[in-house]
N, C-alpha and C. Protein backbone atom coordinates (compact mmCIF):
# COMPACT_ATOMS: atom_id res chain seq x y z
N MET A 1 -2.89 -4.41 30.05
CA MET A 1 -4.09 -4.20 28.97
C MET A 1 -5.13 -3.25 29.59
N THR A 2 -5.23 -2.91 30.90
CA THR A 2 -6.11 -2.25 31.39
C THR A 2 -5.88 -0.73 31.16
N ASN A 3 -4.46 -0.44 31.19
CA ASN A 3 -4.14 0.90 30.62
C ASN A 3 -4.72 1.15 29.17
N VAL A 4 -4.41 0.25 28.32
CA VAL A 4 -4.91 0.60 26.69
C VAL A 4 -6.53 0.65 26.71
N THR A 5 -7.16 -0.20 27.78
CA THR A 5 -8.96 -0.36 27.73
C THR A 5 -9.39 1.17 28.15
N THR A 6 -8.48 1.50 29.12
CA THR A 6 -8.90 2.90 29.90
C THR A 6 -8.79 3.94 28.60
N ASP A 7 -7.40 4.03 28.33
CA ASP A 7 -7.16 5.41 27.17
C ASP A 7 -8.52 4.86 26.32
N ALA A 8 -8.54 3.80 25.82
CA ALA A 8 -9.64 3.65 24.62
C ALA A 8 -10.97 4.44 25.20
N ARG A 9 -11.29 3.94 26.45
CA ARG A 9 -12.64 4.67 26.86
C ARG A 9 -12.59 6.37 26.67
N SER A 10 -11.67 6.75 26.96
CA SER A 10 -11.48 8.17 27.19
C SER A 10 -11.53 8.48 25.70
N MET A 11 -11.11 7.83 25.10
CA MET A 11 -10.47 8.61 23.68
C MET A 11 -12.00 9.07 22.62
N SER A 12 -11.81 10.25 22.07
CA SER A 12 -12.85 10.86 21.10
C SER A 12 -13.45 9.54 19.87
N ASP A 13 -14.52 9.61 19.01
CA ASP A 13 -14.63 8.65 18.41
C ASP A 13 -13.61 8.82 17.12
N ASP A 14 -13.13 9.99 16.75
CA ASP A 14 -12.14 10.02 15.88
C ASP A 14 -10.88 9.27 15.88
N ALA A 15 -10.26 9.42 17.07
CA ALA A 15 -9.25 8.93 17.98
C ALA A 15 -9.51 7.32 18.07
N ALA A 16 -10.72 7.03 18.35
CA ALA A 16 -10.88 5.43 18.49
C ALA A 16 -10.77 5.00 17.10
N ARG A 17 -11.39 5.43 16.05
CA ARG A 17 -11.54 5.10 14.64
C ARG A 17 -10.19 4.99 14.14
N GLU A 18 -8.98 6.26 14.64
CA GLU A 18 -7.95 6.05 13.90
C GLU A 18 -7.06 4.72 14.71
N LEU A 19 -7.38 4.49 15.95
CA LEU A 19 -6.57 3.52 16.70
C LEU A 19 -6.88 2.26 15.85
N VAL A 20 -8.39 1.76 15.92
CA VAL A 20 -8.81 0.87 15.45
C VAL A 20 -8.10 0.57 13.90
N VAL A 21 -8.18 1.48 13.02
CA VAL A 21 -7.71 1.42 11.69
C VAL A 21 -6.39 0.86 11.78
N ALA A 22 -5.59 1.63 12.63
CA ALA A 22 -4.07 1.41 12.68
C ALA A 22 -3.88 -0.23 13.13
N THR A 23 -4.60 -0.31 14.17
CA THR A 23 -4.52 -1.80 14.75
C THR A 23 -4.97 -2.72 13.83
N ALA A 24 -6.00 -2.67 13.11
CA ALA A 24 -6.54 -3.87 12.05
C ALA A 24 -5.35 -3.73 10.86
N ASP A 25 -4.74 -2.58 10.43
CA ASP A 25 -3.90 -2.27 9.54
C ASP A 25 -2.38 -3.50 9.67
N ARG A 26 -2.31 -3.16 11.02
CA ARG A 26 -1.19 -3.79 11.41
C ARG A 26 -1.28 -5.43 11.85
N LEU A 27 -2.18 -5.85 12.30
CA LEU A 27 -2.76 -7.12 12.22
C LEU A 27 -3.00 -7.65 10.74
N TYR A 28 -3.56 -6.92 9.92
CA TYR A 28 -4.06 -7.79 8.55
C TYR A 28 -2.93 -7.89 7.83
N ASN A 29 -1.78 -7.04 8.04
CA ASN A 29 -0.42 -7.30 7.40
C ASN A 29 0.21 -8.41 7.89
N LEU A 30 0.21 -8.90 9.08
CA LEU A 30 0.94 -9.73 9.91
C LEU A 30 0.31 -11.06 9.82
N ARG A 31 -1.09 -11.02 9.77
CA ARG A 31 -1.86 -12.40 10.00
C ARG A 31 -2.96 -12.49 8.55
N GLY A 32 -3.11 -11.33 7.89
CA GLY A 32 -4.12 -11.76 6.90
C GLY A 32 -5.58 -11.29 7.23
N ILE A 33 -6.46 -10.83 6.31
CA ILE A 33 -7.71 -10.25 6.80
C ILE A 33 -8.86 -11.32 7.35
N GLN A 34 -8.71 -12.35 6.77
CA GLN A 34 -9.84 -13.17 7.34
C GLN A 34 -9.48 -13.98 8.58
N SER A 35 -8.12 -14.00 9.01
CA SER A 35 -7.65 -14.37 10.22
C SER A 35 -8.07 -13.40 11.56
N VAL A 36 -8.21 -12.43 11.14
CA VAL A 36 -8.32 -11.33 12.20
C VAL A 36 -9.70 -10.91 12.29
N GLY A 37 -10.49 -11.43 13.49
CA GLY A 37 -11.68 -11.22 13.54
C GLY A 37 -12.05 -9.59 14.81
N MET A 38 -13.00 -9.83 14.92
CA MET A 38 -13.30 -8.06 15.60
C MET A 38 -12.84 -8.43 17.09
N ASP A 39 -12.97 -9.97 17.43
CA ASP A 39 -12.22 -9.95 19.06
C ASP A 39 -10.97 -9.73 19.19
N ALA A 40 -9.91 -9.97 18.06
CA ALA A 40 -8.81 -9.68 18.04
C ALA A 40 -8.31 -8.17 18.05
N LEU A 41 -9.24 -7.57 17.16
CA LEU A 41 -9.14 -6.12 17.11
C LEU A 41 -9.43 -5.31 18.35
N ARG A 42 -10.39 -5.92 19.48
CA ARG A 42 -10.68 -5.40 20.51
C ARG A 42 -9.38 -5.72 21.35
N ASP A 43 -9.13 -6.99 21.21
CA ASP A 43 -7.81 -7.31 22.30
C ASP A 43 -6.73 -6.31 22.07
N GLU A 44 -6.49 -6.18 20.94
CA GLU A 44 -5.41 -5.35 20.60
C GLU A 44 -5.46 -3.85 20.66
N SER A 45 -6.65 -3.36 20.29
CA SER A 45 -6.97 -1.99 20.71
C SER A 45 -7.27 -1.38 21.81
N GLY A 46 -7.90 -2.42 22.64
CA GLY A 46 -8.61 -1.82 23.72
C GLY A 46 -10.00 -1.29 23.66
N VAL A 47 -10.48 -1.17 22.53
CA VAL A 47 -11.77 -0.47 22.17
C VAL A 47 -12.80 -1.88 22.20
N SER A 48 -13.62 -1.42 23.04
CA SER A 48 -14.73 -2.46 23.44
C SER A 48 -15.32 -3.10 22.10
N LEU A 49 -16.13 -4.08 22.10
CA LEU A 49 -16.82 -4.61 20.89
C LEU A 49 -18.31 -3.87 20.73
N LYS A 50 -18.75 -3.66 21.61
CA LYS A 50 -19.70 -2.45 21.32
C LYS A 50 -19.40 -1.33 20.68
N ARG A 51 -18.65 -0.52 21.07
CA ARG A 51 -17.91 0.70 20.32
C ARG A 51 -17.36 0.06 19.05
N LEU A 52 -16.68 -0.50 18.83
CA LEU A 52 -16.15 -1.20 17.50
C LEU A 52 -17.37 -1.08 16.59
N TYR A 53 -18.34 -1.94 16.64
CA TYR A 53 -19.38 -1.97 16.24
C TYR A 53 -20.26 -0.68 15.87
N LYS A 54 -20.08 0.10 16.91
CA LYS A 54 -20.66 1.38 16.86
C LYS A 54 -20.23 2.40 15.61
N LEU A 55 -18.36 2.24 15.56
CA LEU A 55 -17.76 3.20 14.85
C LEU A 55 -17.32 2.23 13.48
N PHE A 56 -17.99 0.87 13.57
CA PHE A 56 -17.69 0.30 12.38
C PHE A 56 -18.65 -0.64 12.04
N PRO A 57 -19.83 -0.59 11.30
CA PRO A 57 -20.98 -1.45 11.41
C PRO A 57 -20.57 -2.89 11.32
N SER A 58 -19.44 -2.96 10.36
CA SER A 58 -19.17 -4.22 9.81
C SER A 58 -17.54 -4.30 9.52
N LYS A 59 -16.91 -5.77 9.60
CA LYS A 59 -15.75 -5.60 9.31
C LYS A 59 -15.16 -5.22 8.00
N GLU A 60 -16.18 -5.34 6.93
CA GLU A 60 -15.77 -4.84 5.49
C GLU A 60 -15.84 -3.55 5.66
N VAL A 61 -16.18 -2.72 6.36
CA VAL A 61 -16.10 -1.18 6.59
C VAL A 61 -14.75 -0.86 7.11
N ILE A 62 -14.23 -1.95 7.99
CA ILE A 62 -13.00 -1.65 8.66
C ILE A 62 -11.69 -2.01 7.47
N VAL A 63 -12.07 -2.98 6.75
CA VAL A 63 -10.97 -3.26 5.78
C VAL A 63 -11.07 -2.27 4.58
N GLU A 64 -11.96 -1.54 4.33
CA GLU A 64 -12.10 -0.58 3.19
C GLU A 64 -11.22 0.50 3.93
N GLU A 65 -11.68 1.02 5.20
CA GLU A 65 -10.85 2.22 5.74
C GLU A 65 -9.23 1.85 6.14
N VAL A 66 -8.78 0.66 6.33
CA VAL A 66 -7.68 0.37 5.97
C VAL A 66 -6.94 0.55 4.69
N LEU A 67 -7.93 0.11 3.90
CA LEU A 67 -7.08 0.43 2.27
C LEU A 67 -7.00 1.84 2.05
N ARG A 68 -7.99 2.61 2.49
CA ARG A 68 -7.84 4.14 2.10
C ARG A 68 -6.81 4.63 2.67
N SER A 69 -6.79 4.40 4.24
CA SER A 69 -5.48 4.37 4.72
C SER A 69 -4.18 4.15 4.23
N ARG A 70 -3.91 3.04 3.65
CA ARG A 70 -2.86 2.80 2.88
C ARG A 70 -2.74 3.41 1.64
N HIS A 71 -3.78 3.58 0.98
CA HIS A 71 -3.42 4.50 -0.22
C HIS A 71 -2.91 5.80 0.03
N GLU A 72 -3.39 6.02 0.97
CA GLU A 72 -2.88 7.79 1.30
C GLU A 72 -1.41 7.60 1.76
N ARG A 73 -1.06 6.60 2.31
CA ARG A 73 0.22 6.67 2.87
C ARG A 73 1.24 6.47 1.52
N TRP A 74 0.68 5.06 0.73
CA TRP A 74 1.51 4.91 -0.52
C TRP A 74 1.85 6.16 -1.39
N THR A 75 0.65 6.91 -1.40
CA THR A 75 0.44 8.04 -2.60
C THR A 75 1.60 8.87 -2.09
N ARG A 76 1.91 9.51 -0.80
CA ARG A 76 2.44 10.24 -0.08
C ARG A 76 3.88 9.70 -0.38
N SER A 77 4.46 8.52 0.29
CA SER A 77 5.33 8.15 0.32
C SER A 77 6.04 8.06 -1.30
N VAL A 78 5.37 7.44 -2.05
CA VAL A 78 5.90 7.56 -3.72
C VAL A 78 6.26 8.73 -4.05
N SER A 79 5.12 9.98 -3.69
CA SER A 79 5.57 11.17 -4.07
C SER A 79 6.62 12.11 -3.78
N GLU A 80 6.77 11.59 -2.43
CA GLU A 80 8.10 12.20 -1.67
C GLU A 80 9.39 11.59 -2.37
N ALA A 81 9.48 10.32 -2.74
CA ALA A 81 10.61 9.93 -3.30
C ALA A 81 10.78 10.40 -4.70
N VAL A 82 9.61 10.57 -5.03
CA VAL A 82 9.94 11.13 -6.66
C VAL A 82 10.48 12.71 -6.39
N ALA A 83 9.77 13.45 -5.72
CA ALA A 83 9.98 14.75 -5.75
C ALA A 83 11.36 14.98 -5.27
N ALA A 84 12.02 13.94 -4.20
CA ALA A 84 13.30 14.30 -3.63
C ALA A 84 14.30 14.14 -5.29
N ALA A 85 13.93 13.57 -6.41
CA ALA A 85 14.82 13.27 -7.10
C ALA A 85 15.20 14.84 -8.09
N SER A 86 16.17 14.97 -8.61
CA SER A 86 16.47 16.16 -9.39
C SER A 86 16.01 16.22 -11.00
N THR A 87 15.63 15.23 -11.27
CA THR A 87 15.40 15.29 -12.86
C THR A 87 13.84 14.24 -12.93
N PRO A 88 13.09 14.68 -13.94
CA PRO A 88 11.98 13.60 -14.28
C PRO A 88 12.46 12.25 -14.53
N GLN A 89 13.64 12.05 -14.98
CA GLN A 89 14.21 10.74 -15.21
C GLN A 89 14.39 10.00 -14.14
N GLU A 90 15.14 11.02 -13.20
CA GLU A 90 15.60 10.44 -11.84
C GLU A 90 14.49 10.21 -11.17
N GLY A 91 13.51 10.74 -11.08
CA GLY A 91 12.02 10.56 -10.59
C GLY A 91 11.35 9.26 -10.68
N LEU A 92 11.65 8.79 -11.92
CA LEU A 92 10.88 7.47 -12.46
C LEU A 92 11.63 6.15 -11.75
N LEU A 93 12.95 6.64 -11.77
CA LEU A 93 13.69 5.69 -11.05
C LEU A 93 13.86 5.65 -9.68
N ALA A 94 13.35 6.67 -9.01
CA ALA A 94 13.22 6.90 -7.75
C ALA A 94 12.05 6.01 -7.01
N ILE A 95 11.02 5.59 -8.17
CA ILE A 95 9.96 4.74 -7.63
C ILE A 95 10.45 3.21 -7.15
N PHE A 96 11.57 2.87 -7.91
CA PHE A 96 12.22 1.66 -7.62
C PHE A 96 12.78 1.66 -6.25
N ASP A 97 13.67 2.77 -6.13
CA ASP A 97 14.39 2.86 -5.17
C ASP A 97 13.72 2.83 -3.56
N PHE A 98 12.59 3.67 -3.66
CA PHE A 98 11.59 3.58 -2.52
C PHE A 98 11.04 2.33 -2.53
N LEU A 99 10.81 1.21 -3.42
CA LEU A 99 10.30 0.25 -3.49
C LEU A 99 11.70 -0.69 -2.81
N GLY A 100 12.72 -0.76 -2.93
CA GLY A 100 13.55 -1.53 -2.04
C GLY A 100 13.92 -0.98 -0.79
N VAL A 101 13.66 0.50 -0.61
CA VAL A 101 13.68 0.55 1.02
C VAL A 101 12.42 -0.03 1.56
N TRP A 102 11.36 -0.07 1.12
CA TRP A 102 10.24 -0.67 1.66
C TRP A 102 10.30 -2.03 1.66
N PHE A 103 10.74 -2.88 0.83
CA PHE A 103 11.00 -4.18 1.04
C PHE A 103 11.91 -4.82 1.81
N GLY A 104 12.92 -3.80 2.20
CA GLY A 104 13.74 -4.06 3.24
C GLY A 104 13.45 -3.98 4.92
N GLU A 105 11.90 -3.44 4.66
CA GLU A 105 11.58 -3.23 6.33
C GLU A 105 11.31 -4.76 6.85
N ASN A 106 11.28 -4.65 8.02
CA ASN A 106 10.86 -5.92 8.85
C ASN A 106 9.50 -6.19 8.79
N ASP A 107 8.44 -5.89 8.42
CA ASP A 107 7.17 -6.09 8.37
C ASP A 107 6.78 -6.03 7.19
N PHE A 108 7.50 -5.89 6.13
CA PHE A 108 7.08 -6.25 4.57
C PHE A 108 6.42 -7.43 4.43
N ARG A 109 5.23 -7.25 4.12
CA ARG A 109 4.68 -8.77 3.72
C ARG A 109 3.90 -8.74 2.42
N GLY A 110 4.67 -7.80 1.53
CA GLY A 110 3.84 -7.70 0.00
C GLY A 110 2.90 -6.45 0.05
N CYS A 111 2.41 -6.30 -1.04
CA CYS A 111 1.43 -5.13 -1.22
C CYS A 111 0.02 -5.42 -0.63
N GLY A 112 -0.25 -4.59 0.51
CA GLY A 112 -1.61 -4.75 1.11
C GLY A 112 -2.85 -5.03 0.28
N PHE A 113 -2.70 -4.31 -0.87
CA PHE A 113 -3.88 -3.93 -1.97
C PHE A 113 -3.95 -5.68 -2.57
N ILE A 114 -2.54 -5.98 -3.01
CA ILE A 114 -2.70 -7.35 -3.80
C ILE A 114 -3.30 -8.26 -2.69
N ASN A 115 -2.65 -8.55 -1.75
CA ASN A 115 -3.05 -9.26 -0.65
C ASN A 115 -4.34 -9.42 -0.55
N SER A 116 -5.06 -8.39 -0.08
CA SER A 116 -6.43 -7.98 0.12
C SER A 116 -7.33 -8.75 -0.96
N PHE A 117 -6.74 -8.19 -2.19
CA PHE A 117 -7.53 -8.67 -3.34
C PHE A 117 -7.58 -10.35 -3.28
N GLY A 118 -6.32 -10.79 -2.99
CA GLY A 118 -6.28 -12.39 -3.36
C GLY A 118 -6.92 -13.10 -2.09
N GLU A 119 -7.21 -12.40 -0.91
CA GLU A 119 -8.05 -13.00 -0.21
C GLU A 119 -9.67 -12.77 -0.31
N LEU A 120 -9.94 -11.47 -0.65
CA LEU A 120 -11.56 -10.99 -0.61
C LEU A 120 -11.98 -10.46 -1.73
N GLY A 121 -10.97 -10.37 -2.97
CA GLY A 121 -11.43 -9.65 -3.95
C GLY A 121 -12.62 -10.50 -4.98
N GLY A 122 -12.66 -11.66 -4.94
CA GLY A 122 -13.42 -12.36 -5.76
C GLY A 122 -15.08 -12.37 -4.94
N THR A 123 -14.81 -12.16 -3.57
CA THR A 123 -16.18 -12.08 -2.90
C THR A 123 -16.81 -10.69 -2.61
N VAL A 124 -15.90 -9.63 -2.42
CA VAL A 124 -16.29 -8.47 -1.74
C VAL A 124 -16.29 -7.62 -3.06
N GLU A 125 -17.13 -7.22 -3.60
CA GLU A 125 -16.90 -6.15 -4.80
C GLU A 125 -16.64 -4.82 -4.37
N SER A 126 -16.84 -4.43 -3.03
CA SER A 126 -16.47 -2.91 -2.72
C SER A 126 -14.97 -2.94 -2.38
N LEU A 127 -14.39 -3.98 -1.71
CA LEU A 127 -13.10 -4.10 -1.69
C LEU A 127 -12.49 -4.14 -2.90
N ALA A 128 -12.83 -5.05 -3.86
CA ALA A 128 -11.89 -5.28 -5.24
C ALA A 128 -11.90 -3.77 -5.84
N GLY A 129 -13.25 -3.04 -5.87
CA GLY A 129 -13.06 -1.73 -6.40
C GLY A 129 -12.07 -0.68 -5.70
N ILE A 130 -11.77 -0.86 -4.57
CA ILE A 130 -10.86 0.09 -3.91
C ILE A 130 -9.42 -0.50 -4.35
N VAL A 131 -9.12 -1.64 -4.61
CA VAL A 131 -8.10 -2.05 -5.17
C VAL A 131 -7.82 -1.63 -6.36
N ARG A 132 -8.52 -1.66 -7.08
CA ARG A 132 -8.32 -1.46 -8.44
C ARG A 132 -8.25 -0.07 -8.78
N ASP A 133 -9.13 0.65 -8.04
CA ASP A 133 -9.08 2.25 -8.17
C ASP A 133 -7.57 2.49 -7.85
N HIS A 134 -7.18 1.83 -6.53
CA HIS A 134 -5.49 2.05 -6.02
C HIS A 134 -4.34 2.08 -7.16
N LYS A 135 -4.63 0.77 -7.85
CA LYS A 135 -3.79 0.47 -8.77
C LYS A 135 -3.80 1.17 -10.14
N ALA A 136 -5.07 1.73 -10.77
CA ALA A 136 -5.41 2.39 -11.49
C ALA A 136 -4.60 3.93 -11.28
N ASP A 137 -4.83 4.44 -10.15
CA ASP A 137 -4.38 5.67 -9.62
C ASP A 137 -2.61 5.60 -9.95
N PHE A 138 -2.25 4.69 -9.30
CA PHE A 138 -0.46 4.12 -9.45
C PHE A 138 -0.30 4.13 -10.89
N GLN A 139 -0.76 3.80 -11.96
CA GLN A 139 -0.46 3.65 -13.43
C GLN A 139 -0.79 5.13 -13.80
N ALA A 140 -1.66 5.90 -13.62
CA ALA A 140 -1.94 7.05 -13.85
C ALA A 140 -0.80 7.85 -13.67
N TYR A 141 -0.35 7.85 -12.22
CA TYR A 141 0.64 8.68 -11.87
C TYR A 141 1.89 8.20 -12.55
N VAL A 142 2.36 7.10 -12.80
CA VAL A 142 3.46 6.94 -13.48
C VAL A 142 3.48 7.46 -14.77
N ALA A 143 2.43 7.36 -15.58
CA ALA A 143 1.85 7.56 -16.96
C ALA A 143 2.23 9.13 -16.89
N GLN A 144 1.86 9.88 -16.02
CA GLN A 144 2.25 11.26 -16.09
C GLN A 144 3.71 11.53 -15.85
N LEU A 145 3.93 10.70 -15.05
CA LEU A 145 5.88 11.16 -14.83
C LEU A 145 6.65 10.72 -16.35
N VAL A 146 6.12 9.84 -16.72
CA VAL A 146 6.63 9.26 -18.25
C VAL A 146 6.62 10.76 -19.01
N GLU A 147 5.50 11.06 -19.09
CA GLU A 147 4.93 12.45 -19.87
C GLU A 147 5.86 13.35 -19.60
N GLN A 148 6.21 13.33 -18.19
CA GLN A 148 6.96 14.74 -17.91
C GLN A 148 8.33 14.78 -18.21
N ALA A 149 8.99 13.04 -18.26
CA ALA A 149 10.14 12.94 -18.80
C ALA A 149 10.38 12.93 -20.11
N GLY A 150 9.37 13.23 -21.14
CA GLY A 150 9.10 13.29 -22.25
C GLY A 150 9.21 11.75 -23.27
N GLY A 151 8.83 10.82 -22.37
CA GLY A 151 8.57 9.55 -22.74
C GLY A 151 7.46 9.09 -23.56
N PRO A 152 7.45 8.08 -24.60
CA PRO A 152 6.16 7.62 -25.14
C PRO A 152 5.35 7.12 -23.91
N ALA A 153 3.97 6.97 -24.73
CA ALA A 153 2.88 6.41 -23.77
C ALA A 153 3.09 5.13 -23.27
N TRP A 154 3.62 4.30 -24.18
CA TRP A 154 3.91 2.78 -23.93
C TRP A 154 4.74 2.55 -22.75
N LEU A 155 5.48 3.46 -22.38
CA LEU A 155 6.51 3.09 -21.03
C LEU A 155 5.57 3.29 -20.02
N GLY A 156 4.55 4.16 -19.36
CA GLY A 156 4.10 4.20 -18.34
C GLY A 156 3.43 2.88 -17.73
N PRO A 157 2.66 2.15 -18.75
CA PRO A 157 2.03 1.12 -18.26
C PRO A 157 3.08 -0.12 -17.95
N GLN A 158 4.34 -0.14 -18.78
CA GLN A 158 5.44 -0.98 -18.73
C GLN A 158 6.07 -0.93 -17.39
N LEU A 159 6.50 0.39 -16.86
CA LEU A 159 7.13 0.58 -15.85
C LEU A 159 6.32 0.15 -14.36
N ALA A 160 4.75 0.58 -14.59
CA ALA A 160 3.67 0.34 -13.71
C ALA A 160 3.89 -1.18 -13.26
N ILE A 161 3.86 -2.02 -14.46
CA ILE A 161 3.65 -3.48 -14.33
C ILE A 161 5.18 -3.78 -13.75
N LEU A 162 6.46 -3.24 -13.95
CA LEU A 162 7.43 -3.83 -13.22
C LEU A 162 7.38 -3.49 -11.55
N ALA A 163 7.09 -2.50 -11.48
CA ALA A 163 6.73 -2.04 -9.89
C ALA A 163 5.77 -3.10 -9.23
N GLU A 164 4.59 -3.43 -9.87
CA GLU A 164 3.84 -4.21 -9.46
C GLU A 164 4.42 -5.62 -9.18
N GLY A 165 4.81 -6.31 -10.33
CA GLY A 165 5.54 -7.35 -10.02
C GLY A 165 6.67 -7.48 -9.28
N ALA A 166 7.64 -6.45 -9.09
CA ALA A 166 8.37 -6.57 -7.91
C ALA A 166 8.05 -6.72 -6.52
N GLN A 167 6.53 -6.07 -6.36
CA GLN A 167 6.06 -6.21 -4.99
C GLN A 167 5.55 -7.62 -4.79
N THR A 168 5.09 -8.19 -5.58
CA THR A 168 4.81 -9.77 -5.37
C THR A 168 6.10 -10.47 -5.37
N THR A 169 7.02 -10.40 -6.15
CA THR A 169 8.21 -11.08 -6.18
C THR A 169 8.94 -10.99 -4.66
N ALA A 170 9.19 -9.83 -4.24
CA ALA A 170 9.88 -9.82 -3.09
C ALA A 170 9.07 -10.08 -1.96
N ALA A 171 7.86 -9.97 -1.86
CA ALA A 171 7.28 -10.77 -0.96
C ALA A 171 7.43 -12.19 -0.66
N ILE A 172 7.41 -12.90 -2.15
CA ILE A 172 7.47 -14.39 -2.13
C ILE A 172 8.97 -14.64 -1.79
N ALA A 173 9.83 -14.06 -2.21
CA ALA A 173 11.32 -14.27 -2.04
C ALA A 173 11.82 -13.93 -0.58
N GLY A 174 11.27 -12.85 0.00
CA GLY A 174 11.46 -12.43 1.09
C GLY A 174 12.77 -11.53 1.01
N THR A 175 13.00 -11.00 0.13
CA THR A 175 14.22 -10.30 -0.29
C THR A 175 14.24 -9.03 -0.88
N PRO A 176 14.62 -7.95 -0.79
CA PRO A 176 14.50 -6.78 -1.62
C PRO A 176 15.31 -6.75 -3.09
N GLN A 177 15.69 -7.86 -3.32
CA GLN A 177 16.39 -7.81 -4.49
C GLN A 177 15.30 -7.59 -5.73
N ALA A 178 14.40 -7.61 -5.47
CA ALA A 178 13.32 -7.50 -6.87
C ALA A 178 13.29 -6.05 -7.13
N ALA A 179 13.46 -5.01 -6.26
CA ALA A 179 13.33 -3.60 -6.59
C ALA A 179 14.71 -3.35 -7.36
N ASP A 180 15.49 -4.01 -7.24
CA ASP A 180 17.15 -3.59 -7.94
C ASP A 180 16.74 -4.30 -9.11
N ASP A 181 16.48 -5.43 -9.39
CA ASP A 181 16.25 -6.10 -10.75
C ASP A 181 15.09 -5.36 -11.53
N ALA A 182 13.92 -4.90 -10.99
CA ALA A 182 12.84 -3.90 -11.40
C ALA A 182 13.64 -2.85 -11.92
N ARG A 183 14.61 -2.31 -11.14
CA ARG A 183 15.14 -0.65 -11.65
C ARG A 183 15.82 -0.81 -12.57
N ARG A 184 16.80 -1.89 -12.84
CA ARG A 184 17.78 -2.31 -13.76
C ARG A 184 16.78 -2.46 -15.13
N ALA A 185 15.66 -3.07 -15.23
CA ALA A 185 14.94 -3.39 -16.21
C ALA A 185 14.07 -2.03 -16.53
N ALA A 186 13.80 -1.34 -15.73
CA ALA A 186 13.25 0.09 -16.12
C ALA A 186 14.06 0.87 -16.78
N GLN A 187 15.33 0.97 -16.27
CA GLN A 187 16.33 1.53 -17.11
C GLN A 187 16.70 1.42 -18.34
N ILE A 188 16.64 0.12 -18.72
CA ILE A 188 16.75 -0.46 -20.00
C ILE A 188 15.60 0.18 -20.84
N LEU A 189 14.42 -0.04 -19.99
CA LEU A 189 13.07 0.41 -21.10
C LEU A 189 13.27 2.02 -21.26
N MET A 190 13.86 2.50 -20.21
CA MET A 190 13.70 3.95 -20.25
C MET A 190 14.97 4.41 -21.51
N ASP A 191 15.83 3.75 -21.63
CA ASP A 191 17.01 3.98 -22.57
C ASP A 191 16.38 3.74 -23.87
N ALA A 192 15.72 2.43 -24.13
CA ALA A 192 15.09 2.12 -25.29
C ALA A 192 14.24 3.17 -25.91
N ALA A 193 13.32 3.80 -24.63
CA ALA A 193 12.46 4.90 -25.15
C ALA A 193 13.12 6.50 -25.55
N GLY A 194 14.03 6.49 -25.08
CA GLY A 194 15.05 7.58 -25.30
C GLY A 194 15.18 8.45 -24.32
N ILE A 195 14.91 7.98 -23.13
CA ILE A 195 14.86 9.21 -22.07
C ILE A 195 16.22 8.68 -21.19
N LYS A 196 17.00 9.88 -21.06
CA LYS A 196 18.07 9.81 -20.73
C LYS A 196 18.31 10.42 -19.45
N GLY A 197 19.38 10.25 -18.35
CA GLY A 197 19.39 10.78 -17.19
C GLY A 197 19.18 10.34 -16.08
């Protein structure tokens, strides 16, 4: 722990902020937001409490930063999976392939946005807003992909709901099977909408 503390003391504020956000993200994923206090963040990151409060005036600000970071990672990862597909139709299905890989990771505990909303959404409006914006952004992205594939407007929301439901189901079941089930349902919907390929 001494080396971590020494390293944290010599870090720039930007580097210390990144370290705290990454540490908080990991701990929130493992334990939940409410069970991780500032003392735990200090102990795990090596950043002193005084500096923690200087960088983040409240725990709520840290949670907001964690969610923004997760949004960037999610958006980048999904976009990369879709971009690797050879057709717009395959790009839509690539979302579910990406989910299958994610669900199989050892540290998968469900969607951090859904989990955050479940813990704090009813009491912290700023966090609920970030979660709503994230979900709306994903729905708009799927709708755009459907349009590029020549599908009807009704298909986008349905595919997004399949992806959202798969995340919750996989977290509860502890298995990546929900991604395969959602992918098959997405293919049926795409076939019904006249999207082939």
